[in-house]
N, C-alpha and C. Protein backbone atom coordinates (compact mmCIF):
# COMPACT_ATOMS: atom_id res chain seq x y z
N MET A 1 68.10 -20.36 90.24
CA MET A 1 68.84 -20.92 89.16
C MET A 1 70.05 -20.03 88.88
N ALA A 2 71.25 -20.57 88.54
CA ALA A 2 72.46 -20.04 88.15
C ALA A 2 72.34 -19.15 87.02
N THR A 3 73.01 -17.99 86.97
CA THR A 3 72.94 -17.31 85.50
C THR A 3 73.94 -17.85 84.78
N ARG A 4 74.06 -17.41 83.55
CA ARG A 4 74.95 -17.74 82.51
C ARG A 4 76.36 -17.56 82.77
N HIS A 5 76.67 -16.74 83.56
CA HIS A 5 78.15 -16.29 83.98
C HIS A 5 78.54 -17.19 85.11
N GLU A 6 77.55 -17.30 86.25
CA GLU A 6 77.81 -18.15 87.12
C GLU A 6 78.11 -19.60 86.63
N ARG A 7 77.18 -20.07 85.78
CA ARG A 7 77.52 -21.37 85.18
C ARG A 7 78.95 -21.31 84.57
N ARG A 8 79.01 -20.48 83.91
CA ARG A 8 80.35 -20.47 83.08
C ARG A 8 81.59 -20.26 83.96
N ALA A 9 81.50 -19.67 85.09
CA ALA A 9 82.50 -19.66 85.95
C ALA A 9 82.42 -20.69 87.01
N GLY A 10 81.41 -21.61 86.90
CA GLY A 10 81.68 -22.91 87.90
C GLY A 10 80.79 -22.53 89.15
N LEU A 11 80.09 -21.68 89.18
CA LEU A 11 79.54 -21.17 90.61
C LEU A 11 78.33 -21.94 90.77
N SER A 12 77.84 -22.56 89.91
CA SER A 12 76.45 -23.25 90.24
C SER A 12 76.53 -24.67 90.79
N GLY A 13 77.71 -25.31 90.85
CA GLY A 13 77.82 -26.82 91.18
C GLY A 13 78.58 -26.80 92.29
N GLY A 14 79.14 -28.04 92.58
CA GLY A 14 79.87 -28.19 93.91
C GLY A 14 81.41 -28.22 93.61
N GLY A 15 81.73 -27.54 92.55
CA GLY A 15 83.17 -27.48 92.31
C GLY A 15 84.11 -26.63 93.16
N SER A 16 85.14 -26.11 92.48
CA SER A 16 86.30 -25.24 93.25
C SER A 16 85.53 -23.98 93.70
N ALA A 17 84.74 -23.51 93.08
CA ALA A 17 83.93 -22.18 93.62
C ALA A 17 83.06 -22.52 94.89
N ALA A 18 82.60 -23.52 95.00
CA ALA A 18 81.70 -24.05 96.30
C ALA A 18 82.69 -24.14 97.71
N ARG A 19 84.08 -24.57 97.27
CA ARG A 19 84.81 -24.45 98.19
C ARG A 19 85.67 -23.11 98.52
N GLY A 20 85.23 -22.11 98.13
CA GLY A 20 85.70 -20.53 98.24
C GLY A 20 86.85 -20.33 97.14
N VAL A 21 86.92 -21.18 96.31
CA VAL A 21 88.12 -20.72 95.35
C VAL A 21 87.40 -20.01 94.02
N SER A 22 87.86 -18.72 93.77
CA SER A 22 86.98 -18.19 92.77
C SER A 22 87.59 -18.63 91.42
N ALA A 23 86.74 -18.21 90.28
CA ALA A 23 87.01 -18.65 89.05
C ALA A 23 88.13 -17.97 88.66
N PRO A 24 89.27 -18.59 87.69
CA PRO A 24 90.15 -17.79 87.09
C PRO A 24 89.64 -16.92 86.28
N LYS A 25 90.47 -15.39 86.11
CA LYS A 25 89.93 -14.43 85.40
C LYS A 25 90.97 -14.85 83.92
N PHE A 26 90.15 -15.48 82.95
CA PHE A 26 90.97 -15.79 81.93
C PHE A 26 91.37 -14.72 81.08
N ARG A 27 90.49 -13.63 80.92
CA ARG A 27 90.50 -12.60 80.14
C ARG A 27 91.44 -11.32 80.64
N GLY A 28 92.15 -11.68 81.77
CA GLY A 28 92.83 -10.30 82.25
C GLY A 28 94.13 -10.35 81.72
N TRP A 29 94.80 -9.07 81.66
CA TRP A 29 96.06 -8.70 81.02
C TRP A 29 97.12 -9.57 81.74
N ARG A 30 96.93 -10.00 83.09
CA ARG A 30 98.04 -10.55 83.83
C ARG A 30 97.82 -12.11 83.29
N TRP A 31 96.61 -12.67 83.18
CA TRP A 31 96.59 -14.04 82.73
C TRP A 31 97.38 -14.16 81.34
N HIS A 32 97.10 -13.12 80.31
CA HIS A 32 97.41 -13.04 79.06
C HIS A 32 99.18 -13.22 79.05
N ALA A 33 99.59 -12.08 80.01
CA ALA A 33 101.00 -11.98 80.08
C ALA A 33 101.55 -13.25 80.56
N GLY A 34 101.08 -13.94 81.35
CA GLY A 34 101.65 -15.19 82.01
C GLY A 34 101.60 -16.30 80.91
N ASN A 35 100.59 -16.51 80.13
CA ASN A 35 100.40 -17.50 79.25
C ASN A 35 101.45 -17.13 78.02
N ALA A 36 101.70 -15.84 77.62
CA ALA A 36 102.74 -15.53 76.69
C ALA A 36 104.37 -15.78 77.21
N LEU A 37 104.44 -15.63 78.47
CA LEU A 37 105.56 -15.90 78.91
C LEU A 37 106.10 -17.28 78.99
N VAL A 38 105.08 -18.19 79.66
CA VAL A 38 105.30 -19.77 79.57
C VAL A 38 105.14 -20.34 78.34
N SER A 39 104.39 -19.80 77.25
CA SER A 39 104.58 -20.29 75.95
C SER A 39 106.04 -19.94 75.31
N VAL A 40 106.60 -19.12 75.58
CA VAL A 40 108.23 -18.76 75.16
C VAL A 40 108.80 -19.86 75.69
N PHE A 41 108.68 -20.23 76.97
CA PHE A 41 109.64 -21.50 77.48
C PHE A 41 109.19 -22.80 76.61
N ALA A 42 107.87 -22.92 76.53
CA ALA A 42 107.39 -24.30 75.94
C ALA A 42 107.99 -24.14 74.59
N ARG A 43 107.88 -23.08 73.77
CA ARG A 43 108.57 -23.15 72.25
C ARG A 43 109.97 -23.39 72.19
N ILE A 44 110.85 -23.17 73.41
CA ILE A 44 111.92 -23.21 73.12
C ILE A 44 112.45 -24.56 74.09
N GLY A 45 111.50 -25.27 74.59
CA GLY A 45 111.71 -26.54 75.30
C GLY A 45 112.29 -26.53 76.73
N ILE A 46 112.09 -25.33 77.30
CA ILE A 46 112.53 -25.17 78.85
C ILE A 46 111.15 -25.41 79.66
N GLY A 47 111.44 -26.51 80.76
CA GLY A 47 110.55 -26.86 81.72
C GLY A 47 109.50 -27.83 81.39
N PRO A 48 108.49 -27.92 82.37
CA PRO A 48 107.48 -29.12 81.86
C PRO A 48 106.36 -28.57 81.01
N ILE A 49 106.29 -27.48 80.91
CA ILE A 49 105.16 -27.05 80.08
C ILE A 49 105.32 -27.17 78.66
N ALA A 50 104.15 -27.50 77.89
CA ALA A 50 103.88 -27.70 76.39
C ALA A 50 102.80 -26.91 76.13
N LEU A 51 102.73 -26.75 74.62
CA LEU A 51 101.73 -26.08 74.08
C LEU A 51 100.65 -27.26 73.62
N LEU A 52 99.52 -27.07 73.99
CA LEU A 52 98.32 -27.90 73.36
C LEU A 52 97.53 -27.01 72.30
N THR A 53 97.42 -27.66 71.26
CA THR A 53 96.60 -27.21 70.17
C THR A 53 95.45 -28.06 69.82
N THR A 54 94.28 -27.53 69.97
CA THR A 54 92.96 -28.19 69.68
C THR A 54 92.18 -27.56 68.44
N THR A 55 91.39 -28.10 68.01
CA THR A 55 90.69 -27.59 66.73
C THR A 55 89.26 -27.05 67.47
N GLY A 56 88.96 -25.89 67.16
CA GLY A 56 87.95 -25.29 67.53
C GLY A 56 86.49 -26.03 67.34
N ARG A 57 85.67 -26.45 68.35
CA ARG A 57 84.65 -27.18 67.72
C ARG A 57 83.36 -26.31 67.16
N VAL A 58 83.34 -25.06 67.10
CA VAL A 58 82.57 -24.34 66.59
C VAL A 58 83.25 -23.66 65.29
N THR A 59 84.51 -22.96 65.34
CA THR A 59 85.09 -22.43 64.30
C THR A 59 85.96 -23.18 63.43
N GLY A 60 86.33 -24.23 64.01
CA GLY A 60 87.32 -24.97 63.30
C GLY A 60 88.76 -24.16 63.23
N ARG A 61 88.76 -23.43 63.89
CA ARG A 61 90.23 -22.81 63.99
C ARG A 61 91.10 -23.44 65.05
N PRO A 62 92.60 -23.40 64.94
CA PRO A 62 93.36 -23.92 65.87
C PRO A 62 93.45 -22.87 67.14
N HIS A 63 93.27 -23.45 68.46
CA HIS A 63 93.57 -22.98 69.53
C HIS A 63 94.40 -23.59 70.27
N THR A 64 95.50 -22.67 70.92
CA THR A 64 96.62 -23.19 71.78
C THR A 64 96.72 -22.59 72.84
N VAL A 65 97.03 -23.46 74.01
CA VAL A 65 97.26 -22.92 75.31
C VAL A 65 98.41 -23.78 75.85
N PRO A 66 99.00 -23.16 76.97
CA PRO A 66 100.16 -23.87 77.64
C PRO A 66 99.51 -24.86 78.64
N VAL A 67 100.06 -26.02 78.67
CA VAL A 67 99.47 -27.04 79.63
C VAL A 67 100.76 -27.81 80.06
N VAL A 68 100.69 -28.53 81.36
CA VAL A 68 101.59 -29.35 81.92
C VAL A 68 101.28 -31.02 81.68
N PRO A 69 101.82 -31.52 80.78
CA PRO A 69 101.64 -33.02 80.54
C PRO A 69 102.03 -33.87 81.78
N ILE A 70 101.44 -34.93 81.91
CA ILE A 70 101.87 -35.67 83.19
C ILE A 70 102.22 -37.13 82.55
N ASP A 71 103.24 -37.68 82.96
CA ASP A 71 103.69 -38.93 82.57
C ASP A 71 103.40 -39.89 83.91
N HIS A 72 102.46 -40.75 83.69
CA HIS A 72 102.26 -41.63 84.93
C HIS A 72 101.77 -43.10 84.35
N ALA A 73 102.49 -43.94 84.71
CA ALA A 73 102.18 -45.55 84.62
C ALA A 73 102.36 -45.70 83.08
N GLY A 74 103.31 -45.37 82.65
CA GLY A 74 103.65 -45.58 81.30
C GLY A 74 102.56 -44.96 80.18
N ALA A 75 102.05 -43.88 80.54
CA ALA A 75 101.23 -43.19 79.70
C ALA A 75 101.42 -41.66 80.12
N ARG A 76 100.66 -41.00 79.12
CA ARG A 76 100.98 -39.37 79.12
C ARG A 76 99.47 -38.97 79.10
N TRP A 77 99.40 -38.18 80.10
CA TRP A 77 97.96 -37.59 80.37
C TRP A 77 98.00 -35.95 80.39
N LEU A 78 96.68 -35.28 80.11
CA LEU A 78 96.40 -34.08 80.43
C LEU A 78 95.40 -33.95 81.44
N VAL A 79 95.62 -32.73 82.23
CA VAL A 79 94.85 -32.43 83.42
C VAL A 79 94.28 -31.25 83.02
N ALA A 80 92.85 -30.97 83.39
CA ALA A 80 92.50 -29.48 83.07
C ALA A 80 92.09 -29.09 84.65
N PRO A 81 93.10 -28.28 85.23
CA PRO A 81 92.87 -27.89 86.47
C PRO A 81 91.86 -26.84 86.75
N TYR A 82 91.63 -26.09 85.69
CA TYR A 82 90.52 -25.28 85.77
C TYR A 82 89.16 -25.56 85.34
N GLY A 83 88.95 -26.89 85.18
CA GLY A 83 87.68 -27.54 84.90
C GLY A 83 87.41 -27.56 83.50
N PRO A 84 86.37 -27.83 83.21
CA PRO A 84 86.03 -27.94 81.73
C PRO A 84 86.04 -26.70 80.83
N VAL A 85 87.19 -26.24 80.67
CA VAL A 85 87.53 -24.99 79.81
C VAL A 85 87.34 -25.33 78.38
N GLY A 86 87.74 -24.23 77.52
CA GLY A 86 87.62 -24.37 76.07
C GLY A 86 88.35 -25.50 75.36
N TRP A 87 89.78 -25.52 75.81
CA TRP A 87 90.30 -26.81 74.99
C TRP A 87 89.81 -28.39 75.72
N VAL A 88 89.23 -28.41 76.79
CA VAL A 88 88.51 -29.49 77.19
C VAL A 88 87.22 -29.93 76.32
N HIS A 89 86.47 -28.92 76.09
CA HIS A 89 85.40 -29.04 75.11
C HIS A 89 85.64 -29.44 73.87
N ASN A 90 86.94 -28.74 73.31
CA ASN A 90 87.28 -29.00 71.89
C ASN A 90 87.95 -30.42 71.83
N ALA A 91 88.60 -30.72 72.90
CA ALA A 91 89.37 -32.24 72.88
C ALA A 91 88.16 -33.33 73.05
N ARG A 92 87.14 -33.05 73.59
CA ARG A 92 86.09 -33.93 73.71
C ARG A 92 85.55 -34.05 72.30
N ALA A 93 85.11 -32.82 71.84
CA ALA A 93 84.60 -32.85 70.46
C ALA A 93 85.48 -33.46 69.15
N GLY A 94 86.56 -33.02 69.08
CA GLY A 94 87.44 -33.41 68.04
C GLY A 94 88.11 -34.70 68.10
N GLY A 95 88.60 -35.20 69.51
CA GLY A 95 89.15 -36.21 69.73
C GLY A 95 90.62 -36.59 69.38
N THR A 96 90.93 -35.38 68.86
CA THR A 96 92.63 -35.13 68.58
C THR A 96 93.16 -33.86 69.03
N VAL A 97 94.53 -33.99 69.66
CA VAL A 97 95.04 -32.91 69.85
C VAL A 97 96.57 -32.87 69.30
N THR A 98 97.26 -31.46 69.41
CA THR A 98 98.76 -31.64 69.04
C THR A 98 99.37 -31.08 70.13
N LEU A 99 100.55 -31.51 70.58
CA LEU A 99 101.34 -31.09 71.68
C LEU A 99 102.64 -30.77 71.17
N ARG A 100 103.10 -29.57 71.63
CA ARG A 100 104.41 -29.06 71.19
C ARG A 100 105.16 -28.75 72.25
N HIS A 101 106.59 -29.31 72.40
CA HIS A 101 107.50 -28.98 73.37
C HIS A 101 108.80 -28.82 72.51
N GLY A 102 109.35 -27.43 72.62
CA GLY A 102 110.43 -27.47 71.77
C GLY A 102 110.12 -27.13 70.36
N ARG A 103 111.07 -28.20 69.60
CA ARG A 103 110.61 -28.22 68.21
C ARG A 103 109.70 -29.31 67.82
N GLN A 104 109.53 -30.34 68.77
CA GLN A 104 108.84 -31.41 68.66
C GLN A 104 107.38 -31.17 68.81
N ARG A 105 106.54 -31.70 67.86
CA ARG A 105 105.22 -31.87 67.63
C ARG A 105 104.65 -33.19 67.59
N HIS A 106 103.53 -33.48 68.35
CA HIS A 106 102.96 -34.86 68.26
C HIS A 106 101.68 -34.47 68.20
N ALA A 107 101.02 -35.42 67.24
CA ALA A 107 99.42 -35.42 67.21
C ALA A 107 98.98 -36.61 67.95
N TYR A 108 97.93 -36.55 68.93
CA TYR A 108 97.58 -37.57 69.76
C TYR A 108 96.14 -37.61 69.57
N ALA A 109 95.53 -38.96 69.80
CA ALA A 109 94.22 -39.11 69.96
C ALA A 109 93.79 -39.21 71.73
N VAL A 110 92.77 -38.43 72.18
CA VAL A 110 92.46 -38.30 73.47
C VAL A 110 91.54 -39.00 73.98
N ARG A 111 91.68 -39.72 75.01
CA ARG A 111 90.46 -40.48 75.69
C ARG A 111 90.35 -40.16 77.13
N GLU A 112 89.14 -39.59 77.47
CA GLU A 112 88.70 -39.14 78.84
C GLU A 112 88.99 -40.28 79.97
N ALA A 113 89.72 -40.03 80.77
CA ALA A 113 89.76 -41.09 81.89
C ALA A 113 88.51 -41.18 82.86
N THR A 114 88.24 -42.40 83.37
CA THR A 114 87.38 -42.54 84.41
C THR A 114 87.91 -41.98 85.68
N PRO A 115 86.75 -41.71 86.72
CA PRO A 115 87.55 -41.26 87.97
C PRO A 115 88.45 -42.17 88.60
N ALA A 116 88.35 -43.41 88.47
CA ALA A 116 89.28 -44.18 89.04
C ALA A 116 90.75 -44.16 88.46
N GLU A 117 90.70 -44.17 87.19
CA GLU A 117 91.92 -43.80 86.26
C GLU A 117 92.63 -42.34 86.55
N ALA A 118 91.80 -41.53 86.82
CA ALA A 118 92.31 -40.03 87.04
C ALA A 118 92.73 -39.89 88.45
N ALA A 119 92.34 -40.43 89.33
CA ALA A 119 92.85 -40.17 90.69
C ALA A 119 94.39 -40.09 90.78
N PRO A 120 94.99 -41.15 90.61
CA PRO A 120 96.53 -41.24 90.65
C PRO A 120 97.14 -40.24 89.71
N VAL A 121 96.67 -39.93 88.64
CA VAL A 121 97.24 -38.81 87.72
C VAL A 121 97.00 -37.32 88.19
N LEU A 122 95.63 -37.21 88.89
CA LEU A 122 95.44 -36.03 89.67
C LEU A 122 96.53 -35.71 90.95
N LYS A 123 96.53 -36.67 91.64
CA LYS A 123 97.83 -36.71 92.71
C LYS A 123 99.05 -36.41 92.22
N ARG A 124 99.64 -36.93 91.19
CA ARG A 124 100.82 -36.53 90.76
C ARG A 124 100.88 -35.17 90.11
N TYR A 125 99.80 -34.77 89.43
CA TYR A 125 99.59 -33.53 88.77
C TYR A 125 99.78 -32.27 89.97
N VAL A 126 99.13 -32.60 91.03
CA VAL A 126 99.21 -31.65 92.28
C VAL A 126 100.52 -31.44 92.75
N ALA A 127 101.27 -32.60 92.86
CA ALA A 127 102.53 -32.70 93.30
C ALA A 127 103.60 -31.82 92.36
N ILE A 128 103.28 -31.91 91.08
CA ILE A 128 104.00 -31.21 89.97
C ILE A 128 103.77 -29.72 89.77
N ALA A 129 102.35 -29.50 89.26
CA ALA A 129 101.89 -28.21 89.05
C ALA A 129 101.65 -27.49 90.46
N THR A 130 102.49 -26.77 90.99
CA THR A 130 102.47 -26.17 92.18
C THR A 130 101.35 -24.74 92.05
N ARG A 131 101.68 -24.07 90.84
CA ARG A 131 100.69 -23.04 90.85
C ARG A 131 99.23 -23.41 90.76
N ALA A 132 98.78 -24.65 90.68
CA ALA A 132 97.52 -24.83 90.37
C ALA A 132 96.60 -25.68 91.61
N ARG A 133 97.72 -25.77 92.60
CA ARG A 133 97.35 -26.71 93.73
C ARG A 133 96.02 -26.20 94.54
N HIS A 134 95.92 -24.77 94.48
CA HIS A 134 94.68 -24.15 95.18
C HIS A 134 93.47 -24.45 94.57
N ARG A 135 93.32 -25.03 93.35
CA ARG A 135 92.22 -25.39 92.68
C ARG A 135 91.63 -26.80 93.16
N PHE A 136 92.50 -27.56 93.89
CA PHE A 136 91.98 -28.83 94.54
C PHE A 136 91.62 -28.82 96.08
N ALA A 137 90.82 -29.59 96.33
CA ALA A 137 90.50 -29.94 97.75
C ALA A 137 91.55 -30.92 98.35
N ALA A 138 91.85 -31.64 97.65
CA ALA A 138 92.78 -32.72 98.25
C ALA A 138 94.00 -32.23 98.24
N THR A 139 94.95 -32.48 99.26
CA THR A 139 96.17 -31.85 99.27
C THR A 139 97.39 -33.07 98.72
N VAL A 140 98.53 -32.43 98.68
CA VAL A 140 99.55 -33.34 97.89
C VAL A 140 99.53 -34.63 99.04
N ASP A 141 99.72 -34.54 100.31
CA ASP A 141 99.91 -35.73 100.94
C ASP A 141 98.45 -36.69 101.16
N ALA A 142 97.42 -36.31 100.53
CA ALA A 142 96.12 -37.05 100.64
C ALA A 142 96.18 -38.35 99.90
N PRO A 143 95.46 -39.32 100.31
CA PRO A 143 95.60 -40.56 99.63
C PRO A 143 94.87 -40.66 98.46
N VAL A 144 95.21 -41.62 97.46
CA VAL A 144 94.75 -41.28 95.98
C VAL A 144 93.18 -41.28 95.99
N GLU A 145 92.61 -42.08 96.85
CA GLU A 145 91.15 -42.16 97.13
C GLU A 145 90.41 -40.92 97.06
N ALA A 146 91.14 -39.84 97.79
CA ALA A 146 90.83 -38.52 97.77
C ALA A 146 90.57 -37.88 96.52
N PHE A 147 91.33 -38.09 95.60
CA PHE A 147 91.37 -37.32 94.27
C PHE A 147 90.17 -38.13 93.54
N ILE A 148 89.66 -39.16 93.92
CA ILE A 148 88.47 -39.60 92.85
C ILE A 148 87.28 -38.66 92.90
N ALA A 149 87.09 -38.09 93.99
CA ALA A 149 86.08 -36.72 93.96
C ALA A 149 86.43 -35.67 93.16
N GLU A 150 87.70 -35.54 93.03
CA GLU A 150 88.10 -34.19 92.06
C GLU A 150 88.12 -34.44 90.77
N ALA A 151 88.06 -35.90 90.20
CA ALA A 151 87.75 -36.10 88.74
C ALA A 151 86.78 -35.45 88.23
N ALA A 152 85.56 -35.09 89.03
CA ALA A 152 84.35 -34.65 88.39
C ALA A 152 84.81 -32.98 88.08
N ASP A 153 85.71 -32.26 88.88
CA ASP A 153 85.84 -30.94 88.63
C ASP A 153 87.08 -30.72 87.69
N HIS A 154 87.79 -31.91 87.56
CA HIS A 154 89.25 -31.45 87.00
C HIS A 154 89.18 -32.78 85.79
N PRO A 155 88.65 -32.44 84.41
CA PRO A 155 88.96 -33.72 83.64
C PRO A 155 90.35 -34.12 83.34
N VAL A 156 90.54 -35.35 83.16
CA VAL A 156 91.65 -35.95 82.74
C VAL A 156 91.68 -36.63 81.38
N PHE A 157 92.69 -36.36 80.53
CA PHE A 157 92.66 -37.14 79.31
C PHE A 157 93.88 -38.06 79.15
N GLU A 158 93.82 -39.26 78.55
CA GLU A 158 95.02 -39.95 78.17
C GLU A 158 95.13 -39.61 76.80
N LEU A 159 96.58 -39.41 76.53
CA LEU A 159 97.23 -39.22 75.30
C LEU A 159 97.38 -40.61 74.75
N GLN A 160 96.86 -41.05 73.73
CA GLN A 160 97.20 -42.15 73.00
C GLN A 160 98.46 -42.22 72.32
N PRO A 161 99.07 -43.13 71.85
CA PRO A 161 100.54 -42.95 71.52
C PRO A 161 100.61 -42.11 70.32
N PRO A 162 101.59 -41.33 70.34
CA PRO A 162 101.76 -40.22 69.40
C PRO A 162 101.84 -40.85 67.90
N SER A 163 101.51 -40.11 66.95
CA SER A 163 101.71 -40.38 65.56
C SER A 163 103.06 -40.06 65.35
N THR A 164 103.50 -39.94 64.00
CA THR A 164 104.74 -39.25 63.68
C THR A 164 104.93 -37.85 63.75
N PRO A 165 106.13 -37.26 64.41
CA PRO A 165 106.26 -35.79 64.54
C PRO A 165 105.68 -35.09 63.30
N VAL A 166 105.08 -33.89 63.49
CA VAL A 166 104.75 -33.15 62.35
C VAL A 166 105.36 -31.68 62.46
N THR A 167 105.35 -31.10 61.16
CA THR A 167 106.34 -30.12 60.79
C THR A 167 105.37 -28.90 61.14
N HIS A 168 105.92 -27.68 61.06
CA HIS A 168 105.29 -26.72 61.35
C HIS A 168 104.14 -26.30 60.56
N ALA A 169 104.15 -26.87 59.21
CA ALA A 169 102.70 -26.62 58.61
C ALA A 169 101.63 -27.58 58.82
N GLY A 170 101.89 -28.67 59.63
CA GLY A 170 101.03 -29.71 60.38
C GLY A 170 101.06 -30.96 59.41
N ARG A 171 102.16 -31.15 58.56
CA ARG A 171 102.32 -32.35 57.86
C ARG A 171 103.22 -33.09 58.49
N PRO A 172 103.29 -34.50 58.28
CA PRO A 172 104.05 -35.30 58.90
C PRO A 172 105.60 -35.09 58.35
N ALA A 173 106.36 -35.19 59.44
CA ALA A 173 107.94 -35.04 58.92
C ALA A 173 108.42 -36.23 58.19
N ALA A 174 109.21 -35.70 57.29
CA ALA A 174 109.95 -36.66 56.43
C ALA A 174 111.19 -37.60 57.11
């Protein structure tokens, strides 16, 4: 039986760890420094990175992480390249998220995609998010069918049409 730390790191299943990819070290200083740097870019609206805010399922406090939203087939999607991490659990529990890019913030309802829906989104994600490619068994050139198996390890959420932009205080903009 896997220990709590092995389960948390994804070492007990057939995911990325089973393929020889170690779990990311989210608590390391390099991870925090990298997140701080890309968060600055997202706050000023440079590049594809946005800031995702979820409400903590236990604490009720807001939690913000950088993400790369994917536009595919007329919809906007979020991919969890590191598996079911905290923001995934919070999005599943709360059903809503806020996405910020530059000065624009939009509240969204989230819907988790089926493996068949997730496959083309994951393929597009691997092509765009080069830093996370090593987390996937399927390569950029692999057919969409190869990404169906990846959906179990990398949750994908559809962002439902945005509500009105919100202000910094979280209230609708006038």
